[in-house]
Amino acid sequence: MILGVSGWLGNKLGIDETIVRVAFVVGALCFGVGVGLYLILWIVKLLSK
C-alpha cells in the first residue's frame, strides 16, 4: 500500500506481501479493523528501525 507495511510484514512472516495486502483489505471491508491495524503496524515498523 502506501507506507510499506505489507512488504515489511510479509518479510517478517515469510509470506508474500500480496497476501498481506488482501488480508488488510478484507479486514477493512468486513470487520473494520484493517485500517487501524495497518496504522498500528506502521508505528511498530517505524519504532523497530
Protein backbone atom coordinates (compact mmCIF):
# COMPACT_ATOMS: atom_id res chain seq x y z
CA MET A 1 0.00 0.00 0.00
CA ILE A 2 1.39 3.41 0.85
CA LEU A 3 3.60 3.08 3.91
CA GLY A 4 5.38 -0.20 3.14
CA VAL A 5 3.76 -2.15 5.94
CA SER A 6 2.64 -5.05 3.74
CA GLY A 7 6.12 -5.73 2.39
CA TRP A 8 7.67 -5.38 5.83
CA LEU A 9 5.12 -7.66 7.48
CA GLY A 10 5.35 -10.17 4.64
CA ASN A 11 9.12 -10.40 5.14
CA LYS A 12 8.72 -10.81 8.90
CA LEU A 13 6.14 -13.59 8.50
CA GLY A 14 7.78 -15.21 5.48
CA ILE A 15 4.74 -14.86 3.21
CA ASP A 16 4.01 -12.93 0.02
CA GLU A 17 3.13 -9.27 0.53
CA THR A 18 0.13 -9.62 -1.78
CA ILE A 19 -1.49 -11.97 0.72
CA VAL A 20 -0.91 -9.41 3.47
CA ARG A 21 -2.46 -6.65 1.33
CA VAL A 22 -5.52 -8.76 0.60
CA ALA A 23 -5.87 -9.53 4.31
CA PHE A 24 -5.78 -5.80 5.15
CA VAL A 25 -8.43 -5.01 2.52
CA VAL A 26 -10.69 -7.85 3.67
CA GLY A 27 -10.21 -6.77 7.27
CA ALA A 28 -11.10 -3.18 6.42
CA LEU A 29 -14.17 -4.07 4.38
CA CYS A 30 -15.60 -6.87 6.50
CA PHE A 31 -14.52 -6.17 10.04
CA GLY A 32 -13.44 -2.53 10.05
CA VAL A 33 -10.07 -3.30 11.60
CA GLY A 34 -7.78 -3.26 8.58
CA VAL A 35 -7.04 0.46 8.57
CA GLY A 36 -6.43 0.71 12.31
CA LEU A 37 -4.25 -2.37 12.32
CA TYR A 38 -2.31 -1.03 9.34
CA LEU A 39 -1.58 2.23 11.18
CA ILE A 40 -0.54 0.42 14.35
CA LEU A 41 1.82 -1.82 12.37
CA TRP A 42 3.24 1.24 10.60
CA ILE A 43 4.14 2.73 14.00
CA VAL A 44 5.69 -0.59 15.06
CA LYS A 45 7.69 -0.63 11.82
CA LEU A 46 8.97 2.89 12.48
CA LEU A 47 9.97 2.08 16.05
CA SER A 48 11.73 -1.17 15.11
CA LYS A 49 14.36 0.56 12.95
